[in-house]
Amino acid sequence: MDIKAIAQGLIPLVGGRDNIVSAAHCATRLRLVLADDSKVNPAAIDKLDGVKGCFSNAGQLQVIFGTGLVNKVYEEFVAQSGVGTASKAELTELASAKLNVAQRLARTLSNIFVPIIPAIVASGLLMGLLGMVRTYGWVDADSALFIMLDMFSSAAFIILPVLIGFTAAREFGGNPYLGATLGGILTHPALTNAWSVASGFKTMSFMGMDVAMIGYQGTVFPVLLAVWFMSHLERQLRKRVPDALDLIVTPFLTVIITGFVALLFIGPAGRMLGDGISFGLSALYNQAGWLAGLVFGGTYSAIVITGIHHSFHAIEAGLLTNPQIGVNFLLPIWAMANVAQGGACIAVYFKTRDPKVKAITVPAAMSCLLGITEAAIFGVNLRFMKPFLAGLFGGALGGAYVVAAKVGMTAVGLTGIPGMAIVQPQSLIHYIIGMVIAFGSAFAASWLLKYKVE
């Protein structure tokens, strides 16, 4: 494979040297930020030797080469184009400037919640295991072992405002440790645990206002809004406080002022916002039933193209931590949509005679079964369009089934086959049936639809 020829051929297809703002690469993809995306010729790029697909997402053109090859192409591409190299963070910042408001909001929420997902997944896995243990009576629920494991499983949700406070402050440009401190204020033991508020709570009078002594354990929006306010306040204080006093005065005033504002105003408003979203979705889920799953499952992959799906982590976390809901009923729907795109993609393998397309479809479809759909959507299904529509069809049917069967999950972040680990035990068989429906119907539709494959 002539690496130099690949790099030389790619440059004019992305608009020439003057159109390239910056370049970087990940494990499999060359990532480019371009001045004018309309100058890209994706059809011609797909035909280049070594290219397994290309797509634009989140302000970047991403050309798929695969592990190992992408490193060689990147080095030659930089040498041939003369473009400056960039770190992944720098490239993301450049790309973000090209996003609209909704996409920027989605990316911000994604940057806040993605680092927290491992903690939520670990807790969700343990919750699912404990549910199975309780259902089948394998361990006495009053035993020390069960009680300790129950503590382990709920810890991440109890201190969720602290975790969010840290990552949100880092994203908003504030001090992460002050963000975590603010999360600690909202979950302080002096406040009644939000999950046991039904047993009663105290109020206190502050400057003529009655303040409910209710904590924000497990909540999402109160700490998000409070840390956003805190970060802006901190930056303004740093501009005005003399450098000699900055270390003492700035954090002191930031914590005091934000603490009062959070407990008196932002916290209650954020709780109302979070509860409104959670209860609204819950009502839609219960009243519309399978129809809601049909719509959500049939549109999710289209939402993925915009990148706005990253913002769903916040809503899913709100469902899990709401004591009156306590289950993620959205993630099973997203899982069906992801699996369906894999079914539609693998059908292309059997329809095409092009060995290059065949080489892409199998790993891309397998990635969908593991919850990663970008390669299948952008590299195969959207390329021929009708397979993508077949994936929407399969996602709609699978989504309708899992909603009708009341499938729920105990965490966020895992879909497809790995998602089986966080499905509620009583729903596991229905989750598997849903995946079969989604994958099979998308495969059948993609196979039966007429379209030209190379």
Protein backbone atom coordinates (compact mmCIF):
# COMPACT_ATOMS: atom_id res chain seq x y z
CA MET A 1 0.00 0.00 0.00
CA ASP A 2 1.46 3.35 -1.08
CA ILE A 3 1.04 5.60 1.97
CA LYS A 4 2.45 8.62 0.16
CA ALA A 5 -0.06 8.23 -2.69
CA ILE A 6 -2.94 7.92 -0.22
CA ALA A 7 -1.96 11.16 1.53
CA GLN A 8 -1.41 13.00 -1.74
CA GLY A 9 -4.76 11.79 -3.07
CA LEU A 10 -6.62 12.75 0.08
CA ILE A 11 -5.50 16.40 0.22
CA PRO A 12 -7.40 17.68 -2.85
CA LEU A 13 -10.47 15.63 -1.86
CA VAL A 14 -10.80 17.58 1.39
CA GLY A 15 -10.54 20.95 -0.37
CA GLY A 16 -6.79 21.35 -0.66
CA ARG A 17 -4.11 22.53 1.75
CA ASP A 18 -5.72 25.92 2.34
CA ASN A 19 -8.96 24.28 3.49
CA ILE A 20 -7.31 22.20 6.23
CA VAL A 21 -7.37 23.95 9.62
CA SER A 22 -5.91 21.18 11.75
CA ALA A 23 -5.34 17.42 11.87
CA ALA A 24 -5.12 14.71 14.50
CA HIS A 25 -5.87 11.01 14.72
CA CYS A 26 -7.30 8.45 17.12
CA ALA A 27 -6.85 4.67 17.13
CA THR A 28 -8.64 4.16 13.81
CA ARG A 29 -9.56 7.52 12.25
CA LEU A 30 -7.85 10.54 10.75
CA ARG A 31 -9.65 13.58 12.21
CA LEU A 32 -9.65 16.86 10.29
CA VAL A 33 -11.11 20.29 11.02
CA LEU A 34 -11.78 22.07 7.73
CA ALA A 35 -12.54 25.68 6.91
CA ASP A 36 -15.30 24.77 4.46
CA ASP A 37 -16.92 21.33 4.73
CA SER A 38 -18.73 21.80 1.41
CA LYS A 39 -15.43 21.30 -0.46
CA VAL A 40 -15.16 17.68 0.68
CA ASN A 41 -15.75 14.88 -1.84
CA PRO A 42 -16.77 11.93 0.41
CA ALA A 43 -17.58 9.58 -2.50
CA ALA A 44 -14.08 9.97 -3.90
CA ILE A 45 -12.49 9.64 -0.46
CA ASP A 46 -14.30 6.29 0.03
CA LYS A 47 -12.58 5.00 -3.13
CA LEU A 48 -9.06 5.77 -1.93
CA ASP A 49 -6.88 2.80 -1.16
CA GLY A 50 -7.02 1.91 2.53
CA VAL A 51 -10.07 4.05 3.34
CA LYS A 52 -12.85 2.12 5.11
CA GLY A 53 -15.30 5.02 5.16
CA CYS A 54 -15.58 8.69 6.06
CA PHE A 55 -18.12 10.86 7.82
CA SER A 56 -18.54 14.31 9.32
CA ASN A 57 -19.47 14.51 12.97
CA ALA A 58 -19.18 17.16 15.69
CA GLY A 59 -17.44 19.61 13.37
CA GLN A 60 -14.80 17.13 12.21
CA LEU A 61 -14.25 15.11 9.05
CA GLN A 62 -13.28 11.62 10.17
CA VAL A 63 -11.66 9.25 7.68
CA ILE A 64 -11.55 5.61 8.81
CA PHE A 65 -8.27 3.78 8.03
CA GLY A 66 -8.05 1.28 10.86
CA THR A 67 -5.52 0.53 13.58
CA GLY A 68 -1.89 0.93 12.57
CA LEU A 69 -2.52 2.29 9.08
CA VAL A 70 -4.00 5.54 10.38
CA ASN A 71 -0.71 6.41 12.15
CA LYS A 72 1.27 6.06 8.92
CA VAL A 73 -1.27 7.98 6.84
CA TYR A 74 -1.42 10.75 9.45
CA GLU A 75 2.35 11.28 9.45
CA GLU A 76 2.49 11.40 5.66
CA PHE A 77 -0.64 13.59 5.44
CA VAL A 78 0.87 16.16 7.82
CA ALA A 79 4.13 16.15 5.90
CA GLN A 80 2.42 16.53 2.51
CA SER A 81 -0.15 19.15 3.55
CA GLY A 82 2.06 21.20 5.83
CA VAL A 83 -0.83 21.54 8.28
CA GLY A 84 -0.12 22.02 11.96
CA THR A 85 -0.69 19.04 14.23
CA ALA A 86 -3.11 19.24 17.13
CA SER A 87 -3.91 17.26 20.23
CA LYS A 88 -7.31 15.65 20.51
CA ALA A 89 -8.38 18.34 22.99
CA GLU A 90 -7.21 21.16 20.70
CA LEU A 91 -8.94 19.60 17.71
CA THR A 92 -12.16 19.24 19.71
CA GLU A 93 -12.00 22.91 20.70
CA LEU A 94 -11.53 23.97 17.07
CA ALA A 95 -14.38 21.73 15.94
CA SER A 96 -16.71 22.99 18.69
CA ALA A 97 -16.58 26.49 17.22
CA LYS A 98 -18.41 25.12 14.15
CA LEU A 99 -21.26 23.55 16.14
CA ASN A 100 -24.70 25.08 16.69
CA VAL A 101 -26.09 25.82 20.15
CA ALA A 102 -27.83 22.44 20.57
CA GLN A 103 -24.72 20.53 19.50
CA ARG A 104 -22.52 22.55 21.85
CA LEU A 105 -24.90 21.87 24.74
CA ALA A 106 -24.89 18.16 23.92
CA ARG A 107 -21.09 18.07 23.77
CA THR A 108 -20.83 19.93 27.08
CA LEU A 109 -23.14 17.46 28.82
CA SER A 110 -21.26 14.58 27.23
CA ASN A 111 -17.93 15.90 28.53
CA ILE A 112 -19.43 16.18 32.00
CA PHE A 113 -21.08 12.75 32.18
CA VAL A 114 -18.79 10.46 30.19
CA PRO A 115 -16.03 10.48 32.88
CA ILE A 116 -18.66 9.52 35.49
CA ILE A 117 -20.11 6.60 33.50
CA PRO A 118 -17.68 3.96 34.88
CA ALA A 119 -18.84 4.70 38.44
CA ILE A 120 -22.52 4.55 37.43
CA VAL A 121 -21.98 1.36 35.41
CA ALA A 122 -20.21 -0.31 38.34
CA SER A 123 -23.04 0.65 40.68
CA GLY A 124 -25.67 -0.41 38.15
CA LEU A 125 -24.03 -3.81 37.63
CA LEU A 126 -23.95 -4.38 41.37
CA MET A 127 -27.59 -3.28 41.71
CA GLY A 128 -28.58 -5.77 39.04
CA LEU A 129 -26.63 -8.53 40.75
CA LEU A 130 -28.22 -7.73 44.11
CA GLY A 131 -31.65 -7.76 42.49
CA MET A 132 -30.96 -11.26 41.21
CA VAL A 133 -29.64 -12.34 44.61
CA ARG A 134 -32.77 -11.00 46.32
CA THR A 135 -35.12 -12.54 43.74
CA TYR A 136 -33.67 -16.03 44.02
CA GLY A 137 -32.86 -15.86 47.71
CA TRP A 138 -29.19 -16.73 47.28
CA VAL A 139 -28.17 -14.53 50.22
CA ASP A 140 -30.15 -13.33 53.23
CA ALA A 141 -31.08 -9.68 52.59
CA ASP A 142 -30.44 -8.94 56.29
CA SER A 143 -26.94 -10.42 56.24
CA ALA A 144 -23.84 -8.26 56.64
CA LEU A 145 -22.62 -9.26 53.17
CA PHE A 146 -25.82 -8.11 51.46
CA ILE A 147 -25.98 -4.87 53.45
CA MET A 148 -22.38 -3.97 52.60
CA LEU A 149 -22.86 -4.75 48.91
CA ASP A 150 -26.03 -2.64 48.93
CA MET A 151 -23.97 0.24 50.33
CA PHE A 152 -21.41 -0.21 47.57
CA SER A 153 -24.10 -0.22 44.88
CA SER A 154 -25.81 3.00 45.99
CA ALA A 155 -22.73 5.07 46.88
CA ALA A 156 -22.14 6.50 43.38
CA PHE A 157 -25.76 7.66 43.14
CA ILE A 158 -25.75 9.20 46.63
CA ILE A 159 -22.62 11.27 45.91
CA LEU A 160 -23.54 11.90 42.28
CA PRO A 161 -23.70 15.70 42.85
CA VAL A 162 -20.09 15.58 44.09
CA LEU A 163 -18.94 13.67 41.00
CA ILE A 164 -20.89 15.95 38.69
CA GLY A 165 -19.64 19.01 40.57
CA PHE A 166 -16.04 18.01 39.87
CA THR A 167 -16.42 17.27 36.14
CA ALA A 168 -18.84 20.14 35.51
CA ALA A 169 -16.50 22.71 37.08
CA ARG A 170 -13.67 21.40 34.92
CA GLU A 171 -15.87 21.73 31.82
CA PHE A 172 -17.18 25.19 32.74
CA GLY A 173 -13.71 26.54 33.51
CA GLY A 174 -14.00 26.58 37.30
CA ASN A 175 -11.96 24.91 40.04
CA PRO A 176 -12.99 21.20 40.04
CA TYR A 177 -12.41 20.90 43.77
CA LEU A 178 -14.69 23.84 44.49
CA GLY A 179 -17.26 22.14 42.25
CA ALA A 180 -16.94 18.96 44.29
CA THR A 181 -17.26 21.03 47.49
CA LEU A 182 -20.48 22.54 46.19
CA GLY A 183 -21.76 19.03 45.48
CA GLY A 184 -20.88 18.18 49.08
CA ILE A 185 -22.90 21.15 50.33
CA LEU A 186 -25.95 19.94 48.40
CA THR A 187 -25.62 16.45 49.91
CA HIS A 188 -24.60 17.48 53.44
CA PRO A 189 -25.81 15.14 56.24
CA ALA A 190 -27.56 18.10 57.90
CA LEU A 191 -30.04 18.00 55.02
CA THR A 192 -32.73 15.33 54.97
CA ASN A 193 -31.86 12.58 52.52
CA ALA A 194 -33.79 13.25 49.33
CA TRP A 195 -34.70 9.54 49.05
CA SER A 196 -36.39 9.48 52.46
CA VAL A 197 -38.12 12.86 52.33
CA ALA A 198 -41.55 11.19 52.52
CA SER A 199 -40.92 10.59 56.24
CA GLY A 200 -40.82 14.35 56.83
CA PHE A 201 -38.32 17.20 56.73
CA LYS A 202 -37.50 20.38 58.59
CA THR A 203 -37.55 23.97 57.40
CA MET A 204 -35.55 26.95 58.59
CA SER A 205 -36.16 30.66 58.28
CA PHE A 206 -33.49 32.69 56.50
CA MET A 207 -34.05 36.43 55.89
CA GLY A 208 -37.80 35.91 55.90
CA MET A 209 -37.68 32.88 53.57
CA ASP A 210 -38.58 29.33 54.53
CA VAL A 211 -35.80 27.01 53.37
CA ALA A 212 -36.60 23.30 53.13
CA MET A 213 -33.86 21.19 54.71
CA ILE A 214 -33.91 18.63 51.89
CA GLY A 215 -30.71 17.30 50.34
CA TYR A 216 -29.96 16.79 46.68
CA GLN A 217 -28.53 13.27 46.86
CA GLY A 218 -28.71 11.63 43.46
CA THR A 219 -29.94 14.74 41.64
CA VAL A 220 -28.43 16.07 38.41
CA PHE A 221 -29.73 19.47 37.37
CA PRO A 222 -29.35 21.36 40.69
CA VAL A 223 -25.60 20.80 40.83
CA LEU A 224 -25.17 21.36 37.08
CA LEU A 225 -26.81 24.79 37.28
CA ALA A 226 -25.11 25.67 40.57
CA VAL A 227 -21.62 24.79 39.26
CA TRP A 228 -22.26 26.77 36.08
CA PHE A 229 -23.06 29.80 38.27
CA MET A 230 -20.07 29.06 40.52
CA SER A 231 -17.63 28.88 37.62
CA HIS A 232 -18.74 32.22 36.21
CA LEU A 233 -18.59 33.82 39.66
CA GLU A 234 -15.11 32.42 40.29
CA ARG A 235 -13.77 33.83 37.01
CA GLN A 236 -15.22 37.26 37.75
CA LEU A 237 -13.70 37.26 41.24
CA ARG A 238 -10.27 36.29 39.91
CA LYS A 239 -10.34 39.35 37.65
CA ARG A 240 -11.02 41.67 40.58
CA VAL A 241 -9.23 40.15 43.59
CA PRO A 242 -5.54 41.15 43.92
CA ASP A 243 -3.13 38.31 43.12
CA ALA A 244 -1.72 38.35 46.65
CA LEU A 245 -5.16 37.58 48.10
CA ASP A 246 -6.51 35.39 45.31
CA LEU A 247 -5.71 32.04 46.96
CA ILE A 248 -7.64 32.95 50.11
CA VAL A 249 -10.37 35.39 49.08
CA THR A 250 -11.55 33.91 45.75
CA PRO A 251 -12.40 30.37 46.93
CA PHE A 252 -13.84 31.70 50.18
CA LEU A 253 -16.26 34.10 48.48
CA THR A 254 -17.02 31.58 45.72
CA VAL A 255 -18.12 28.87 48.15
CA ILE A 256 -20.06 31.24 50.45
CA ILE A 257 -21.95 33.07 47.71
CA THR A 258 -22.63 30.01 45.56
CA GLY A 259 -23.66 27.97 48.60
CA PHE A 260 -26.37 30.48 49.54
CA VAL A 261 -27.57 30.88 45.95
CA ALA A 262 -27.65 27.11 45.43
CA LEU A 263 -29.64 26.31 48.58
CA LEU A 264 -32.05 29.23 48.26
CA PHE A 265 -32.72 29.46 44.53
CA ILE A 266 -30.85 27.20 42.12
CA GLY A 267 -31.35 23.96 44.04
CA PRO A 268 -35.17 24.10 44.25
CA ALA A 269 -35.44 25.31 40.64
CA GLY A 270 -33.08 22.60 39.42
CA ARG A 271 -35.01 19.94 41.31
CA MET A 272 -38.26 21.11 39.70
CA LEU A 273 -36.61 21.01 36.25
CA GLY A 274 -35.22 17.52 36.77
CA ASP A 275 -38.47 16.17 38.21
CA GLY A 276 -40.46 17.78 35.41
CA ILE A 277 -38.36 16.07 32.74
CA SER A 278 -38.32 12.71 34.54
CA PHE A 279 -42.03 12.64 35.33
CA GLY A 280 -42.93 13.92 31.87
CA LEU A 281 -40.97 11.11 30.22
CA SER A 282 -42.38 8.61 32.69
CA ALA A 283 -45.93 9.69 31.92
CA LEU A 284 -45.27 9.45 28.19
CA TYR A 285 -43.69 6.02 28.69
CA ASN A 286 -46.65 4.72 30.70
CA GLN A 287 -49.43 6.34 28.70
CA ALA A 288 -48.14 5.98 25.13
CA GLY A 289 -46.59 2.57 25.83
CA TRP A 290 -45.20 0.74 22.82
CA LEU A 291 -45.97 3.73 20.59
CA ALA A 292 -43.40 5.79 22.50
CA GLY A 293 -40.85 3.02 21.98
CA LEU A 294 -41.70 2.92 18.28
CA VAL A 295 -41.08 6.66 17.89
CA PHE A 296 -37.99 6.88 20.11
CA GLY A 297 -36.43 3.72 18.70
CA GLY A 298 -37.16 4.80 15.14
CA THR A 299 -35.60 8.24 15.50
CA TYR A 300 -32.63 7.62 17.81
CA SER A 301 -30.11 6.79 15.07
CA ALA A 302 -31.11 9.95 13.20
CA ILE A 303 -30.41 11.90 16.40
CA VAL A 304 -26.99 10.23 16.65
CA ILE A 305 -26.03 11.90 13.36
CA THR A 306 -26.47 15.32 14.96
CA GLY A 307 -24.49 14.41 18.07
CA ILE A 308 -27.29 15.60 20.35
CA HIS A 309 -27.70 12.09 21.77
CA HIS A 310 -24.78 12.79 24.13
CA SER A 311 -27.07 15.02 26.17
CA PHE A 312 -29.30 12.05 27.04
CA HIS A 313 -26.86 10.90 29.74
CA ALA A 314 -28.10 13.68 32.02
CA ILE A 315 -31.75 12.69 31.54
CA GLU A 316 -31.00 8.99 32.07
CA ALA A 317 -29.10 9.75 35.27
CA GLY A 318 -32.09 11.78 36.45
CA LEU A 319 -34.40 8.80 35.89
CA LEU A 320 -32.12 6.47 37.83
CA THR A 321 -31.71 8.77 40.80
CA ASN A 322 -35.35 9.81 41.08
CA PRO A 323 -36.67 7.77 44.03
CA GLN A 324 -40.13 7.51 42.45
CA ILE A 325 -38.74 6.09 39.18
CA GLY A 326 -35.37 4.51 39.89
CA VAL A 327 -34.94 2.78 36.54
CA ASN A 328 -33.53 3.74 33.15
CA PHE A 329 -36.29 2.90 30.66
CA LEU A 330 -34.73 4.95 27.83
CA LEU A 331 -31.47 3.05 27.42
CA PRO A 332 -33.11 -0.22 26.29
CA ILE A 333 -34.75 1.74 23.45
CA TRP A 334 -31.40 3.25 22.41
CA ALA A 335 -29.90 -0.24 22.57
CA MET A 336 -32.45 -1.55 20.09
CA ALA A 337 -31.67 1.29 17.68
CA ASN A 338 -27.94 0.54 17.87
CA VAL A 339 -28.39 -3.19 17.30
CA ALA A 340 -30.74 -2.52 14.37
CA GLN A 341 -28.09 -0.49 12.55
CA GLY A 342 -25.83 -3.52 12.88
CA GLY A 343 -28.47 -5.77 11.30
CA ALA A 344 -28.93 -3.39 8.40
CA CYS A 345 -25.16 -3.12 7.95
CA ILE A 346 -24.53 -6.87 7.82
CA ALA A 347 -27.19 -7.22 5.12
CA VAL A 348 -25.02 -5.01 2.90
CA TYR A 349 -22.27 -7.63 3.25
CA PHE A 350 -24.46 -10.18 1.49
CA LYS A 351 -25.65 -7.75 -1.19
CA THR A 352 -22.36 -6.24 -2.31
CA ARG A 353 -19.63 -7.77 -4.40
CA ASP A 354 -17.10 -5.08 -3.57
CA PRO A 355 -14.44 -6.64 -1.31
CA LYS A 356 -13.66 -3.24 0.16
CA VAL A 357 -17.27 -2.73 1.29
CA LYS A 358 -17.40 -6.30 2.59
CA ALA A 359 -14.30 -5.65 4.68
CA ILE A 360 -16.01 -2.70 6.38
CA THR A 361 -19.45 -4.18 7.03
CA VAL A 362 -18.56 -7.09 9.33
CA PRO A 363 -16.50 -5.18 11.94
CA ALA A 364 -18.89 -2.23 11.73
CA ALA A 365 -21.90 -4.48 12.39
CA MET A 366 -20.12 -6.21 15.27
CA SER A 367 -19.37 -2.80 16.78
CA CYS A 368 -23.10 -2.05 16.76
CA LEU A 369 -23.72 -5.17 18.83
CA LEU A 370 -21.23 -3.74 21.32
CA GLY A 371 -22.96 -0.35 21.37
CA ILE A 372 -20.76 1.64 18.94
CA THR A 373 -22.62 2.62 15.78
CA GLU A 374 -20.64 5.40 14.12
CA ALA A 375 -18.65 3.10 11.80
CA ALA A 376 -21.82 1.35 10.58
CA ILE A 377 -23.94 4.49 10.26
CA PHE A 378 -21.39 6.77 8.60
CA GLY A 379 -19.20 4.20 6.89
CA VAL A 380 -21.90 1.93 5.39
CA ASN A 381 -25.57 2.61 6.03
CA LEU A 382 -25.74 6.31 5.21
CA ARG A 383 -23.49 5.72 2.24
CA PHE A 384 -26.27 3.66 0.60
CA MET A 385 -29.09 5.41 2.56
CA LYS A 386 -31.69 2.62 2.42
CA PRO A 387 -29.79 0.43 4.91
CA PHE A 388 -29.91 3.38 7.30
CA LEU A 389 -33.68 3.61 6.84
CA ALA A 390 -33.88 -0.15 7.43
CA GLY A 391 -31.98 0.41 10.68
CA LEU A 392 -34.54 3.02 11.73
CA PHE A 393 -37.29 0.49 11.00
CA GLY A 394 -35.62 -2.20 13.09
CA GLY A 395 -34.96 0.25 15.92
CA ALA A 396 -38.62 1.24 15.93
CA LEU A 397 -39.83 -2.38 16.20
CA GLY A 398 -37.27 -3.30 18.83
CA GLY A 399 -38.01 -0.12 20.79
CA ALA A 400 -41.74 -0.84 20.71
CA TYR A 401 -41.16 -4.33 22.07
CA VAL A 402 -38.89 -3.39 25.00
CA VAL A 403 -41.31 -0.66 26.06
CA ALA A 404 -44.28 -3.02 25.84
CA ALA A 405 -42.31 -5.56 27.91
CA LYS A 406 -41.29 -2.85 30.45
CA VAL A 407 -37.56 -3.53 30.08
CA GLY A 408 -35.48 -1.40 32.44
CA MET A 409 -31.79 -0.89 33.12
CA THR A 410 -29.91 0.00 36.30
CA ALA A 411 -27.16 2.24 34.84
CA VAL A 412 -26.19 4.29 31.78
CA GLY A 413 -23.64 3.89 29.02
CA LEU A 414 -23.95 0.22 28.02
CA THR A 415 -26.07 -0.98 25.09
CA GLY A 416 -26.14 -4.01 22.81
CA ILE A 417 -24.71 -7.23 24.19
CA PRO A 418 -22.77 -5.53 27.05
CA GLY A 419 -26.05 -3.91 28.07
CA MET A 420 -27.29 -7.33 29.23
CA ALA A 421 -25.16 -6.84 32.32
CA ILE A 422 -27.21 -3.88 33.57
CA VAL A 423 -30.69 -5.06 32.55
CA GLN A 424 -33.03 -5.76 35.45
CA PRO A 425 -33.01 -9.56 35.97
CA GLN A 426 -36.74 -9.98 35.33
CA SER A 427 -36.37 -8.15 32.00
CA LEU A 428 -33.31 -9.92 30.58
CA ILE A 429 -35.16 -12.38 28.35
CA HIS A 430 -37.29 -9.58 26.90
CA TYR A 431 -34.16 -7.51 26.26
CA ILE A 432 -32.64 -10.38 24.29
CA ILE A 433 -35.89 -10.88 22.34
CA GLY A 434 -35.91 -7.15 21.58
CA MET A 435 -32.37 -7.33 20.17
CA VAL A 436 -33.35 -10.28 17.96
CA ILE A 437 -36.38 -8.35 16.68
CA ALA A 438 -34.36 -5.19 16.04
CA PHE A 439 -31.44 -6.95 14.35
CA GLY A 440 -33.58 -9.38 12.35
CA SER A 441 -36.14 -6.87 11.08
CA ALA A 442 -33.43 -4.37 10.10
CA PHE A 443 -31.50 -7.12 8.30
CA ALA A 444 -34.62 -8.24 6.43
CA ALA A 445 -35.58 -4.70 5.42
CA SER A 446 -32.04 -3.87 4.31
CA TRP A 447 -31.90 -7.11 2.30
CA LEU A 448 -35.28 -6.64 0.62
CA LEU A 449 -34.95 -2.95 -0.25
CA LYS A 450 -33.57 -2.21 -3.69
CA TYR A 451 -30.49 -0.01 -3.83
CA LYS A 452 -27.21 0.04 -5.70
CA VAL A 453 -24.22 -1.37 -3.87
CA GLU A 454 -20.74 -1.22 -5.33
